[in-house]
Amino acid sequence: MMTIVIAFHQSRYRDFKTYHIHFACCYLTNEFPKLISDLHKCLLM
């Protein structure tokens, strides 16, 4: 989870939801197989 948050801060996206949908779900699914279910946890933060 922290890896995704750090990558978000280093990216040029303005909000985490857009970053998660457009980048993380497309390019990081091999490294994080349960990524989509983690979105719900992140949105509650």
N, C-alpha and C. Protein backbone atom coordinates (compact mmCIF):
# COMPACT_ATOMS: atom_id res chain seq x y z
N MET A 1 0.82 -1.19 0.00
CA MET A 1 0.00 0.00 0.00
C MET A 1 0.87 1.26 0.00
N MET A 2 1.89 1.27 0.82
CA MET A 2 2.75 2.45 0.88
C MET A 2 3.47 2.69 -0.44
N THR A 3 3.79 1.63 -1.15
CA THR A 3 4.44 1.77 -2.45
C THR A 3 3.56 2.54 -3.42
N ILE A 4 2.28 2.23 -3.41
CA ILE A 4 1.33 2.90 -4.30
C ILE A 4 1.16 4.36 -3.89
N VAL A 5 1.11 4.64 -2.61
CA VAL A 5 0.95 6.02 -2.13
C VAL A 5 2.18 6.84 -2.48
N ILE A 6 3.37 6.27 -2.31
CA ILE A 6 4.59 6.99 -2.67
C ILE A 6 4.65 7.24 -4.17
N ALA A 7 4.28 6.26 -4.96
CA ALA A 7 4.26 6.44 -6.42
C ALA A 7 3.24 7.51 -6.82
N PHE A 8 2.12 7.58 -6.10
CA PHE A 8 1.12 8.63 -6.38
C PHE A 8 1.71 10.01 -6.13
N HIS A 9 2.42 10.18 -5.03
CA HIS A 9 3.01 11.48 -4.72
C HIS A 9 4.09 11.88 -5.71
N GLN A 10 4.73 10.91 -6.33
CA GLN A 10 5.76 11.21 -7.32
C GLN A 10 5.17 11.41 -8.72
N SER A 11 3.91 11.09 -8.89
CA SER A 11 3.27 11.25 -10.20
C SER A 11 2.69 12.66 -10.33
N ARG A 12 2.11 12.93 -11.46
CA ARG A 12 1.53 14.26 -11.70
C ARG A 12 0.01 14.26 -11.58
N TYR A 13 -0.56 13.19 -11.01
CA TYR A 13 -2.00 13.13 -10.82
C TYR A 13 -2.41 14.00 -9.64
N ARG A 14 -3.60 14.60 -9.73
CA ARG A 14 -4.06 15.50 -8.67
C ARG A 14 -4.83 14.78 -7.58
N ASP A 15 -5.52 13.69 -7.90
CA ASP A 15 -6.25 12.97 -6.87
C ASP A 15 -5.96 11.48 -6.97
N PHE A 16 -6.06 10.81 -5.83
CA PHE A 16 -5.65 9.42 -5.74
C PHE A 16 -6.58 8.49 -6.51
N LYS A 17 -7.86 8.80 -6.56
CA LYS A 17 -8.80 7.93 -7.26
C LYS A 17 -8.48 7.87 -8.75
N THR A 18 -8.20 8.99 -9.36
CA THR A 18 -7.85 9.03 -10.77
C THR A 18 -6.54 8.29 -11.03
N TYR A 19 -5.57 8.51 -10.16
CA TYR A 19 -4.30 7.80 -10.28
C TYR A 19 -4.52 6.29 -10.20
N HIS A 20 -5.30 5.87 -9.24
CA HIS A 20 -5.53 4.44 -9.03
C HIS A 20 -6.21 3.80 -10.24
N ILE A 21 -7.23 4.46 -10.77
CA ILE A 21 -7.97 3.90 -11.90
C ILE A 21 -7.16 3.93 -13.19
N HIS A 22 -6.50 5.05 -13.48
CA HIS A 22 -5.83 5.21 -14.77
C HIS A 22 -4.42 4.64 -14.83
N PHE A 23 -3.73 4.60 -13.71
CA PHE A 23 -2.35 4.14 -13.75
C PHE A 23 -2.14 2.83 -13.00
N ALA A 24 -2.49 2.81 -11.73
CA ALA A 24 -2.18 1.64 -10.90
C ALA A 24 -2.91 0.39 -11.38
N CYS A 25 -4.17 0.52 -11.69
CA CYS A 25 -4.93 -0.66 -12.14
C CYS A 25 -4.47 -1.16 -13.51
N CYS A 26 -3.90 -0.29 -14.31
CA CYS A 26 -3.44 -0.70 -15.64
C CYS A 26 -2.04 -1.27 -15.63
N TYR A 27 -1.14 -0.67 -14.85
CA TYR A 27 0.27 -1.02 -14.94
C TYR A 27 0.83 -1.79 -13.75
N LEU A 28 0.14 -1.81 -12.63
CA LEU A 28 0.69 -2.45 -11.43
C LEU A 28 -0.05 -3.71 -11.01
N THR A 29 -0.86 -4.28 -11.88
CA THR A 29 -1.65 -5.44 -11.50
C THR A 29 -0.80 -6.70 -11.31
N ASN A 30 0.33 -6.82 -11.99
CA ASN A 30 1.20 -7.98 -11.79
C ASN A 30 1.86 -7.95 -10.42
N GLU A 31 2.25 -6.75 -9.98
CA GLU A 31 2.91 -6.62 -8.69
C GLU A 31 1.91 -6.68 -7.54
N PHE A 32 0.68 -6.20 -7.76
CA PHE A 32 -0.34 -6.14 -6.72
C PHE A 32 -1.63 -6.78 -7.23
N PRO A 33 -1.80 -8.09 -7.10
CA PRO A 33 -2.97 -8.77 -7.66
C PRO A 33 -4.29 -8.37 -7.02
N LYS A 34 -4.29 -7.93 -5.78
CA LYS A 34 -5.53 -7.54 -5.10
C LYS A 34 -5.74 -6.04 -5.12
N LEU A 35 -5.24 -5.40 -6.13
CA LEU A 35 -5.23 -3.95 -6.18
C LEU A 35 -6.62 -3.33 -6.22
N ILE A 36 -7.54 -3.90 -6.97
CA ILE A 36 -8.86 -3.30 -7.12
C ILE A 36 -9.62 -3.32 -5.80
N SER A 37 -9.49 -4.39 -5.02
CA SER A 37 -10.19 -4.44 -3.73
C SER A 37 -9.57 -3.45 -2.74
N ASP A 38 -8.29 -3.10 -2.93
CA ASP A 38 -7.65 -2.14 -2.05
C ASP A 38 -8.14 -0.71 -2.29
N LEU A 39 -8.74 -0.45 -3.44
CA LEU A 39 -9.25 0.89 -3.74
C LEU A 39 -10.28 1.31 -2.72
N HIS A 40 -11.13 0.41 -2.32
CA HIS A 40 -12.17 0.75 -1.35
C HIS A 40 -11.56 1.12 0.00
N LYS A 41 -10.49 0.46 0.38
CA LYS A 41 -9.80 0.80 1.63
C LYS A 41 -9.18 2.19 1.53
N CYS A 42 -8.62 2.49 0.38
CA CYS A 42 -7.94 3.77 0.20
C CYS A 42 -8.91 4.94 0.19
N LEU A 43 -10.07 4.74 -0.37
CA LEU A 43 -11.03 5.81 -0.43
C LEU A 43 -11.58 6.16 0.94
N LEU A 44 -11.47 5.24 1.89
CA LEU A 44 -11.93 5.51 3.25
C LEU A 44 -10.89 6.26 4.06
N MET A 45 -9.66 6.36 3.54
CA MET A 45 -8.58 7.04 4.29
C MET A 45 -8.82 8.53 4.39
